[in-house]
Amino acid sequence: YLKWANTHGFKSMLPKDAAARIKAAKEAAAKQSTLDGHLEELPQPEHIIPYTNETFKKAAVEWLIATDQPIQAFEHPKFIKMINVASRAKNRIKL
């Protein structure tokens, strides 16, 4: 029976073998394993700069220069609409 069970990948159901499996399972459950495999480090929260008119103006000018936009871009109706929509965001804008 044991030879057949081993060759066919069958767990032996003999009382001695079953008791050994139960004992091994209880011992494994009694040991506290580490949590390292289940924990993951949280990403650092992004530092959110509080809104002020000055910081917004500075960011807008930096965007204007970095994207080589004409100064009239600030007056474009679609840009104004985009800023008005973004200003109603509760936390932050994600594109």
PDB file of N, CA and C in Angstrom:
ATOM      1  N   TYR A   1       0.831  -1.197   0.000  1.00  0.00           N
ATOM      2  CA  TYR A   1       0.000   0.000   0.000  1.00  0.00           C
ATOM      3  C   TYR A   1       0.869   1.252   0.000  1.00  0.00           C
ATOM      4  N   LEU A   2       1.900   1.319   0.866  1.00  0.00           N
ATOM      5  CA  LEU A   2       2.759   2.503   0.937  1.00  0.00           C
ATOM      6  C   LEU A   2       3.495   2.732  -0.374  1.00  0.00           C
ATOM      7  N   LYS A   3       3.968   1.669  -0.994  1.00  0.00           N
ATOM      8  CA  LYS A   3       4.657   1.804  -2.279  1.00  0.00           C
ATOM      9  C   LYS A   3       3.694   2.353  -3.335  1.00  0.00           C
ATOM     10  N   TRP A   4       2.493   1.809  -3.390  1.00  0.00           N
ATOM     11  CA  TRP A   4       1.492   2.277  -4.354  1.00  0.00           C
ATOM     12  C   TRP A   4       1.133   3.741  -4.097  1.00  0.00           C
ATOM     13  N   ALA A   5       0.949   4.100  -2.828  1.00  0.00           N
ATOM     14  CA  ALA A   5       0.577   5.473  -2.472  1.00  0.00           C
ATOM     15  C   ALA A   5       1.667   6.451  -2.900  1.00  0.00           C
ATOM     16  N   ASN A   6       2.914   6.088  -2.688  1.00  0.00           N
ATOM     17  CA  ASN A   6       4.027   6.967  -3.068  1.00  0.00           C
ATOM     18  C   ASN A   6       4.154   7.103  -4.575  1.00  0.00           C
ATOM     19  N   THR A   7       3.983   6.040  -5.312  1.00  0.00           N
ATOM     20  CA  THR A   7       4.138   6.111  -6.769  1.00  0.00           C
ATOM     21  C   THR A   7       2.986   6.848  -7.436  1.00  0.00           C
ATOM     22  N   HIS A   8       1.812   6.850  -6.833  1.00  0.00           N
ATOM     23  CA  HIS A   8       0.649   7.518  -7.424  1.00  0.00           C
ATOM     24  C   HIS A   8       0.347   8.874  -6.782  1.00  0.00           C
ATOM     25  N   GLY A   9       1.261   9.375  -5.935  1.00  0.00           N
ATOM     26  CA  GLY A   9       1.066  10.690  -5.315  1.00  0.00           C
ATOM     27  C   GLY A   9      -0.118  10.717  -4.371  1.00  0.00           C
ATOM     28  N   PHE A  10      -0.414   9.603  -3.763  1.00  0.00           N
ATOM     29  CA  PHE A  10      -1.563   9.486  -2.880  1.00  0.00           C
ATOM     30  C   PHE A  10      -1.085   9.574  -1.436  1.00  0.00           C
ATOM     31  N   LYS A  11      -1.787  10.336  -0.608  1.00  0.00           N
ATOM     32  CA  LYS A  11      -1.443  10.431   0.804  1.00  0.00           C
ATOM     33  C   LYS A  11      -1.900   9.158   1.508  1.00  0.00           C
ATOM     34  N   SER A  12      -0.989   8.606   2.269  1.00  0.00           N
ATOM     35  CA  SER A  12      -1.316   7.392   3.010  1.00  0.00           C
ATOM     36  C   SER A  12      -2.357   7.706   4.069  1.00  0.00           C
ATOM     37  N   MET A  13      -3.384   6.898   4.131  1.00  0.00           N
ATOM     38  CA  MET A  13      -4.448   7.094   5.106  1.00  0.00           C
ATOM     39  C   MET A  13      -4.323   6.142   6.298  1.00  0.00           C
ATOM     40  N   LEU A  14      -3.189   5.494   6.415  1.00  0.00           N
ATOM     41  CA  LEU A  14      -2.961   4.641   7.581  1.00  0.00           C
ATOM     42  C   LEU A  14      -2.964   5.516   8.829  1.00  0.00           C
ATOM     43  N   PRO A  15      -3.521   5.006   9.930  1.00  0.00           N
ATOM     44  CA  PRO A  15      -3.631   5.828  11.142  1.00  0.00           C
ATOM     45  C   PRO A  15      -2.305   6.463  11.565  1.00  0.00           C
ATOM     46  N   LYS A  16      -1.231   5.729  11.470  1.00  0.00           N
ATOM     47  CA  LYS A  16       0.075   6.247  11.877  1.00  0.00           C
ATOM     48  C   LYS A  16       0.485   7.433  10.990  1.00  0.00           C
ATOM     49  N   ASP A  17       0.298   7.299   9.674  1.00  0.00           N
ATOM     50  CA  ASP A  17       0.668   8.359   8.739  1.00  0.00           C
ATOM     51  C   ASP A  17      -0.244   9.585   8.876  1.00  0.00           C
ATOM     52  N   ALA A  18      -1.540   9.336   9.055  1.00  0.00           N
ATOM     53  CA  ALA A  18      -2.484  10.438   9.228  1.00  0.00           C
ATOM     54  C   ALA A  18      -2.180  11.204  10.511  1.00  0.00           C
ATOM     55  N   ALA A  19      -1.867  10.494  11.597  1.00  0.00           N
ATOM     56  CA  ALA A  19      -1.535  11.143  12.866  1.00  0.00           C
ATOM     57  C   ALA A  19      -0.267  11.974  12.724  1.00  0.00           C
ATOM     58  N   ALA A  20       0.705  11.483  11.963  1.00  0.00           N
ATOM     59  CA  ALA A  20       1.945  12.234  11.752  1.00  0.00           C
ATOM     60  C   ALA A  20       1.674  13.526  10.978  1.00  0.00           C
ATOM     61  N   ARG A  21       0.791  13.456   9.974  1.00  0.00           N
ATOM     62  CA  ARG A  21       0.439  14.667   9.212  1.00  0.00           C
ATOM     63  C   ARG A  21      -0.285  15.668  10.093  1.00  0.00           C
ATOM     64  N   ILE A  22      -1.199  15.197  10.926  1.00  0.00           N
ATOM     65  CA  ILE A  22      -1.954  16.085  11.820  1.00  0.00           C
ATOM     66  C   ILE A  22      -1.003  16.749  12.810  1.00  0.00           C
ATOM     67  N   LYS A  23      -0.078  15.973  13.356  1.00  0.00           N
ATOM     68  CA  LYS A  23       0.884  16.508  14.309  1.00  0.00           C
ATOM     69  C   LYS A  23       1.755  17.577  13.636  1.00  0.00           C
ATOM     70  N   ALA A  24       2.218  17.313  12.429  1.00  0.00           N
ATOM     71  CA  ALA A  24       3.052  18.275  11.698  1.00  0.00           C
ATOM     72  C   ALA A  24       2.275  19.558  11.393  1.00  0.00           C
ATOM     73  N   ALA A  25       1.006  19.410  11.049  1.00  0.00           N
ATOM     74  CA  ALA A  25       0.178  20.590  10.766  1.00  0.00           C
ATOM     75  C   ALA A  25      -0.037  21.422  12.021  1.00  0.00           C
ATOM     76  N   LYS A  26      -0.265  20.772  13.161  1.00  0.00           N
ATOM     77  CA  LYS A  26      -0.461  21.488  14.425  1.00  0.00           C
ATOM     78  C   LYS A  26       0.814  22.220  14.829  1.00  0.00           C
ATOM     79  N   GLU A  27       1.956  21.567  14.648  1.00  0.00           N
ATOM     80  CA  GLU A  27       3.226  22.210  14.987  1.00  0.00           C
ATOM     81  C   GLU A  27       3.486  23.415  14.091  1.00  0.00           C
ATOM     82  N   ALA A  28       3.166  23.290  12.821  1.00  0.00           N
ATOM     83  CA  ALA A  28       3.367  24.398  11.895  1.00  0.00           C
ATOM     84  C   ALA A  28       2.440  25.562  12.237  1.00  0.00           C
ATOM     85  N   ALA A  29       1.208  25.244  12.646  1.00  0.00           N
ATOM     86  CA  ALA A  29       0.248  26.292  12.993  1.00  0.00           C
ATOM     87  C   ALA A  29       0.619  26.961  14.310  1.00  0.00           C
ATOM     88  N   ALA A  30       1.299  26.237  15.189  1.00  0.00           N
ATOM     89  CA  ALA A  30       1.663  26.789  16.497  1.00  0.00           C
ATOM     90  C   ALA A  30       2.813  27.784  16.396  1.00  0.00           C
ATOM     91  N   LYS A  31       3.608  27.668  15.346  1.00  0.00           N
ATOM     92  CA  LYS A  31       4.747  28.570  15.180  1.00  0.00           C
ATOM     93  C   LYS A  31       4.279  29.868  14.543  1.00  0.00           C
ATOM     94  N   GLN A  32       4.749  30.984  15.100  1.00  0.00           N
ATOM     95  CA  GLN A  32       4.434  32.294  14.527  1.00  0.00           C
ATOM     96  C   GLN A  32       5.377  32.541  13.365  1.00  0.00           C
ATOM     97  N   SER A  33       4.847  32.654  12.214  1.00  0.00           N
ATOM     98  CA  SER A  33       5.699  32.959  11.070  1.00  0.00           C
ATOM     99  C   SER A  33       5.877  34.469  10.998  1.00  0.00           C
ATOM    100  N   THR A  34       6.834  34.893  10.244  1.00  0.00           N
ATOM    101  CA  THR A  34       7.060  36.332  10.120  1.00  0.00           C
ATOM    102  C   THR A  34       6.020  36.933   9.185  1.00  0.00           C
ATOM    103  N   LEU A  35       5.816  38.193   9.349  1.00  0.00           N
ATOM    104  CA  LEU A  35       4.864  38.904   8.507  1.00  0.00           C
ATOM    105  C   LEU A  35       5.533  39.566   7.308  1.00  0.00           C
ATOM    106  N   ASP A  36       6.845  39.416   7.221  1.00  0.00           N
ATOM    107  CA  ASP A  36       7.586  40.112   6.177  1.00  0.00           C
ATOM    108  C   ASP A  36       7.034  39.869   4.777  1.00  0.00           C
ATOM    109  N   GLY A  37       6.613  38.667   4.503  1.00  0.00           N
ATOM    110  CA  GLY A  37       6.090  38.369   3.170  1.00  0.00           C
ATOM    111  C   GLY A  37       4.731  38.999   2.901  1.00  0.00           C
ATOM    112  N   HIS A  38       4.047  39.406   3.953  1.00  0.00           N
ATOM    113  CA  HIS A  38       2.703  39.954   3.796  1.00  0.00           C
ATOM    114  C   HIS A  38       2.658  41.472   3.921  1.00  0.00           C
ATOM    115  N   LEU A  39       3.747  42.059   4.365  1.00  0.00           N
ATOM    116  CA  LEU A  39       3.773  43.501   4.554  1.00  0.00           C
ATOM    117  C   LEU A  39       4.429  44.171   3.364  1.00  0.00           C
ATOM    118  N   GLU A  40       3.978  45.340   3.075  1.00  0.00           N
ATOM    119  CA  GLU A  40       4.627  46.125   2.039  1.00  0.00           C
ATOM    120  C   GLU A  40       4.757  47.550   2.546  1.00  0.00           C
ATOM    121  N   GLU A  41       5.849  48.165   2.198  1.00  0.00           N
ATOM    122  CA  GLU A  41       6.111  49.515   2.675  1.00  0.00           C
ATOM    123  C   GLU A  41       5.176  50.494   1.979  1.00  0.00           C
ATOM    124  N   LEU A  42       4.593  51.369   2.772  1.00  0.00           N
ATOM    125  CA  LEU A  42       3.691  52.372   2.208  1.00  0.00           C
ATOM    126  C   LEU A  42       4.502  53.467   1.522  1.00  0.00           C
ATOM    127  N   PRO A  43       4.021  53.937   0.399  1.00  0.00           N
ATOM    128  CA  PRO A  43       4.742  55.033  -0.245  1.00  0.00           C
ATOM    129  C   PRO A  43       4.619  56.293   0.601  1.00  0.00           C
ATOM    130  N   GLN A  44       5.663  57.088   0.566  1.00  0.00           N
ATOM    131  CA  GLN A  44       5.648  58.340   1.310  1.00  0.00           C
ATOM    132  C   GLN A  44       4.590  59.260   0.707  1.00  0.00           C
ATOM    133  N   PRO A  45       3.790  59.869   1.554  1.00  0.00           N
ATOM    134  CA  PRO A  45       2.775  60.777   0.998  1.00  0.00           C
ATOM    135  C   PRO A  45       3.449  61.965   0.310  1.00  0.00           C
ATOM    136  N   GLU A  46       2.866  62.329  -0.797  1.00  0.00           N
ATOM    137  CA  GLU A  46       3.398  63.449  -1.564  1.00  0.00           C
ATOM    138  C   GLU A  46       3.179  64.736  -0.776  1.00  0.00           C
ATOM    139  N   HIS A  47       4.211  65.547  -0.734  1.00  0.00           N
ATOM    140  CA  HIS A  47       4.082  66.830  -0.037  1.00  0.00           C
ATOM    141  C   HIS A  47       3.203  67.744  -0.886  1.00  0.00           C
ATOM    142  N   ILE A  48       2.066  68.096  -0.349  1.00  0.00           N
ATOM    143  CA  ILE A  48       1.121  68.931  -1.083  1.00  0.00           C
ATOM    144  C   ILE A  48       1.327  70.377  -0.674  1.00  0.00           C
ATOM    145  N   ILE A  49       1.628  71.188  -1.651  1.00  0.00           N
ATOM    146  CA  ILE A  49       1.851  72.604  -1.396  1.00  0.00           C
ATOM    147  C   ILE A  49       0.486  73.275  -1.222  1.00  0.00           C
ATOM    148  N   PRO A  50       0.291  73.990  -0.117  1.00  0.00           N
ATOM    149  CA  PRO A  50      -1.002  74.646   0.077  1.00  0.00           C
ATOM    150  C   PRO A  50      -1.242  75.715  -1.005  1.00  0.00           C
ATOM    151  N   TYR A  51      -2.482  75.849  -1.379  1.00  0.00           N
ATOM    152  CA  TYR A  51      -2.823  76.789  -2.449  1.00  0.00           C
ATOM    153  C   TYR A  51      -2.749  78.223  -1.950  1.00  0.00           C
ATOM    154  N   THR A  52      -2.097  79.032  -2.727  1.00  0.00           N
ATOM    155  CA  THR A  52      -2.164  80.491  -2.576  1.00  0.00           C
ATOM    156  C   THR A  52      -2.169  81.045  -3.995  1.00  0.00           C
ATOM    157  N   ASN A  53      -2.636  82.253  -4.129  1.00  0.00           N
ATOM    158  CA  ASN A  53      -2.626  82.876  -5.462  1.00  0.00           C
ATOM    159  C   ASN A  53      -1.199  82.988  -5.984  1.00  0.00           C
ATOM    160  N   GLU A  54      -0.257  83.264  -5.069  1.00  0.00           N
ATOM    161  CA  GLU A  54       1.145  83.403  -5.473  1.00  0.00           C
ATOM    162  C   GLU A  54       1.727  82.085  -5.993  1.00  0.00           C
ATOM    163  N   THR A  55       1.447  80.974  -5.289  1.00  0.00           N
ATOM    164  CA  THR A  55       1.987  79.682  -5.749  1.00  0.00           C
ATOM    165  C   THR A  55       1.325  79.266  -7.063  1.00  0.00           C
ATOM    166  N   PHE A  56       0.038  79.558  -7.220  1.00  0.00           N
ATOM    167  CA  PHE A  56      -0.632  79.225  -8.477  1.00  0.00           C
ATOM    168  C   PHE A  56      -0.040  80.039  -9.626  1.00  0.00           C
ATOM    169  N   LYS A  57       0.161  81.326  -9.389  1.00  0.00           N
ATOM    170  CA  LYS A  57       0.722  82.183 -10.437  1.00  0.00           C
ATOM    171  C   LYS A  57       2.119  81.704 -10.824  1.00  0.00           C
ATOM    172  N   LYS A  58       2.926  81.332  -9.822  1.00  0.00           N
ATOM    173  CA  LYS A  58       4.282  80.837 -10.093  1.00  0.00           C
ATOM    174  C   LYS A  58       4.231  79.535 -10.901  1.00  0.00           C
ATOM    175  N   ALA A  59       3.343  78.613 -10.517  1.00  0.00           N
ATOM    176  CA  ALA A  59       3.213  77.347 -11.243  1.00  0.00           C
ATOM    177  C   ALA A  59       2.739  77.579 -12.672  1.00  0.00           C
ATOM    178  N   ALA A  60       1.817  78.512 -12.855  1.00  0.00           N
ATOM    179  CA  ALA A  60       1.301  78.808 -14.197  1.00  0.00           C
ATOM    180  C   ALA A  60       2.400  79.388 -15.086  1.00  0.00           C
ATOM    181  N   VAL A  61       3.198  80.283 -14.543  1.00  0.00           N
ATOM    182  CA  VAL A  61       4.285  80.879 -15.322  1.00  0.00           C
ATOM    183  C   VAL A  61       5.326  79.807 -15.659  1.00  0.00           C
ATOM    184  N   GLU A  62       5.641  78.923 -14.692  1.00  0.00           N
ATOM    185  CA  GLU A  62       6.592  77.839 -14.957  1.00  0.00           C
ATOM    186  C   GLU A  62       6.066  76.931 -16.074  1.00  0.00           C
ATOM    187  N   TRP A  63       4.767  76.623 -16.048  1.00  0.00           N
ATOM    188  CA  TRP A  63       4.162  75.797 -17.100  1.00  0.00           C
ATOM    189  C   TRP A  63       4.255  76.504 -18.442  1.00  0.00           C
ATOM    190  N   LEU A  64       3.957  77.804 -18.437  1.00  0.00           N
ATOM    191  CA  LEU A  64       3.986  78.602 -19.662  1.00  0.00           C
ATOM    192  C   LEU A  64       5.374  78.544 -20.298  1.00  0.00           C
ATOM    193  N   ILE A  65       6.411  78.704 -19.475  1.00  0.00           N
ATOM    194  CA  ILE A  65       7.784  78.705 -19.981  1.00  0.00           C
ATOM    195  C   ILE A  65       8.213  77.303 -20.405  1.00  0.00           C
ATOM    196  N   ALA A  66       7.915  76.290 -19.563  1.00  0.00           N
ATOM    197  CA  ALA A  66       8.357  74.925 -19.839  1.00  0.00           C
ATOM    198  C   ALA A  66       7.727  74.352 -21.104  1.00  0.00           C
ATOM    199  N   THR A  67       6.493  74.745 -21.399  1.00  0.00           N
ATOM    200  CA  THR A  67       5.814  74.208 -22.582  1.00  0.00           C
ATOM    201  C   THR A  67       5.870  75.159 -23.770  1.00  0.00           C
ATOM    202  N   ASP A  68       6.604  76.260 -23.600  1.00  0.00           N
ATOM    203  CA  ASP A  68       6.798  77.235 -24.672  1.00  0.00           C
ATOM    204  C   ASP A  68       5.462  77.727 -25.224  1.00  0.00           C
ATOM    205  N   GLN A  69       4.584  78.107 -24.316  1.00  0.00           N
ATOM    206  CA  GLN A  69       3.268  78.615 -24.698  1.00  0.00           C
ATOM    207  C   GLN A  69       3.318  80.135 -24.842  1.00  0.00           C
ATOM    208  N   PRO A  70       2.488  80.690 -25.696  1.00  0.00           N
ATOM    209  CA  PRO A  70       2.400  82.155 -25.756  1.00  0.00           C
ATOM    210  C   PRO A  70       1.664  82.675 -24.516  1.00  0.00           C
ATOM    211  N   ILE A  71       1.932  83.882 -24.143  1.00  0.00           N
ATOM    212  CA  ILE A  71       1.305  84.476 -22.952  1.00  0.00           C
ATOM    213  C   ILE A  71      -0.216  84.514 -23.086  1.00  0.00           C
ATOM    214  N   GLN A  72      -0.731  84.518 -24.326  1.00  0.00           N
ATOM    215  CA  GLN A  72      -2.166  84.539 -24.555  1.00  0.00           C
ATOM    216  C   GLN A  72      -2.832  83.223 -24.156  1.00  0.00           C
ATOM    217  N   ALA A  73      -2.032  82.201 -23.888  1.00  0.00           N
ATOM    218  CA  ALA A  73      -2.603  80.911 -23.471  1.00  0.00           C
ATOM    219  C   ALA A  73      -3.408  81.068 -22.193  1.00  0.00           C
ATOM    220  N   PHE A  74      -2.978  81.982 -21.314  1.00  0.00           N
ATOM    221  CA  PHE A  74      -3.716  82.205 -20.062  1.00  0.00           C
ATOM    222  C   PHE A  74      -5.081  82.818 -20.309  1.00  0.00           C
ATOM    223  N   GLU A  75      -5.257  83.448 -21.443  1.00  0.00           N
ATOM    224  CA  GLU A  75      -6.530  84.106 -21.746  1.00  0.00           C
ATOM    225  C   GLU A  75      -7.455  83.233 -22.591  1.00  0.00           C
ATOM    226  N   HIS A  76      -6.969  82.086 -23.032  1.00  0.00           N
ATOM    227  CA  HIS A  76      -7.760  81.216 -23.903  1.00  0.00           C
ATOM    228  C   HIS A  76      -8.944  80.651 -23.103  1.00  0.00           C
ATOM    229  N   PRO A  77     -10.156  80.671 -23.674  1.00  0.00           N
ATOM    230  CA  PRO A  77     -11.344  80.183 -22.964  1.00  0.00           C
ATOM    231  C   PRO A  77     -11.226  78.729 -22.476  1.00  0.00           C
ATOM    232  N   LYS A  78     -10.587  77.863 -23.252  1.00  0.00           N
ATOM    233  CA  LYS A  78     -10.437  76.458 -22.832  1.00  0.00           C
ATOM    234  C   LYS A  78      -9.489  76.338 -21.639  1.00  0.00           C
ATOM    235  N   PHE A  79      -8.440  77.162 -21.601  1.00  0.00           N
ATOM    236  CA  PHE A  79      -7.532  77.156 -20.452  1.00  0.00           C
ATOM    237  C   PHE A  79      -8.270  77.636 -19.207  1.00  0.00           C
ATOM    238  N   ILE A  80      -9.040  78.691 -19.357  1.00  0.00           N
ATOM    239  CA  ILE A  80      -9.805  79.225 -18.218  1.00  0.00           C
ATOM    240  C   ILE A  80     -10.809  78.190 -17.728  1.00  0.00           C
ATOM    241  N   LYS A  81     -11.481  77.496 -18.660  1.00  0.00           N
ATOM    242  CA  LYS A  81     -12.434  76.454 -18.285  1.00  0.00           C
ATOM    243  C   LYS A  81     -11.719  75.328 -17.523  1.00  0.00           C
ATOM    244  N   MET A  82     -10.548  74.913 -18.029  1.00  0.00           N
ATOM    245  CA  MET A  82      -9.786  73.848 -17.377  1.00  0.00           C
ATOM    246  C   MET A  82      -9.414  74.248 -15.952  1.00  0.00           C
ATOM    247  N   ILE A  83      -8.987  75.466 -15.749  1.00  0.00           N
ATOM    248  CA  ILE A  83      -8.601  75.931 -14.407  1.00  0.00           C
ATOM    249  C   ILE A  83      -9.831  76.000 -13.509  1.00  0.00           C
ATOM    250  N   ASN A  84     -10.952  76.452 -14.038  1.00  0.00           N
ATOM    251  CA  ASN A  84     -12.177  76.514 -13.235  1.00  0.00           C
ATOM    252  C   ASN A  84     -12.646  75.127 -12.804  1.00  0.00           C
ATOM    253  N   VAL A  85     -12.538  74.151 -13.696  1.00  0.00           N
ATOM    254  CA  VAL A  85     -12.909  72.776 -13.360  1.00  0.00           C
ATOM    255  C   VAL A  85     -11.950  72.220 -12.315  1.00  0.00           C
ATOM    256  N   ALA A  86     -10.661  72.426 -12.521  1.00  0.00           N
ATOM    257  CA  ALA A  86      -9.649  71.906 -11.583  1.00  0.00           C
ATOM    258  C   ALA A  86      -9.762  72.548 -10.210  1.00  0.00           C
ATOM    259  N   SER A  87     -10.204  73.781 -10.174  1.00  0.00           N
ATOM    260  CA  SER A  87     -10.292  74.471  -8.880  1.00  0.00           C
ATOM    261  C   SER A  87     -11.367  73.871  -7.978  1.00  0.00           C
ATOM    262  N   ARG A  88     -12.265  73.086  -8.541  1.00  0.00           N
ATOM    263  CA  ARG A  88     -13.326  72.467  -7.738  1.00  0.00           C
ATOM    264  C   ARG A  88     -12.934  71.090  -7.210  1.00  0.00           C
ATOM    265  N   ALA A  89     -11.728  70.645  -7.518  1.00  0.00           N
ATOM    266  CA  ALA A  89     -11.265  69.325  -7.069  1.00  0.00           C
ATOM    267  C   ALA A  89     -11.136  69.316  -5.556  1.00  0.00           C
ATOM    268  N   LYS A  90     -11.540  68.216  -4.943  1.00  0.00           N
ATOM    269  CA  LYS A  90     -11.491  68.110  -3.486  1.00  0.00           C
ATOM    270  C   LYS A  90     -10.071  67.921  -2.973  1.00  0.00           C
ATOM    271  N   ASN A  91      -9.287  67.060  -3.613  1.00  0.00           N
ATOM    272  CA  ASN A  91      -7.942  66.773  -3.111  1.00  0.00           C
ATOM    273  C   ASN A  91      -6.865  67.227  -4.079  1.00  0.00           C
ATOM    274  N   ARG A  92      -6.763  66.536  -5.189  1.00  0.00           N
ATOM    275  CA  ARG A  92      -5.744  66.882  -6.159  1.00  0.00           C
ATOM    276  C   ARG A  92      -6.187  66.438  -7.536  1.00  0.00           C
ATOM    277  N   ILE A  93      -5.500  66.946  -8.537  1.00  0.00           N
ATOM    278  CA  ILE A  93      -5.811  66.623  -9.921  1.00  0.00           C
ATOM    279  C   ILE A  93      -4.860  65.522 -10.377  1.00  0.00           C
ATOM    280  N   LYS A  94      -5.396  64.503 -11.029  1.00  0.00           N
ATOM    281  CA  LYS A  94      -4.565  63.426 -11.566  1.00  0.00           C
ATOM    282  C   LYS A  94      -4.879  63.286 -13.042  1.00  0.00           C
ATOM    283  N   LEU A  95      -3.872  63.517 -13.876  1.00  0.00           N
ATOM    284  CA  LEU A  95      -4.058  63.412 -15.325  1.00  0.00           C
ATOM    285  C   LEU A  95      -3.585  62.080 -15.823  1.00  0.00           C
TER     286      LEU A  95
END
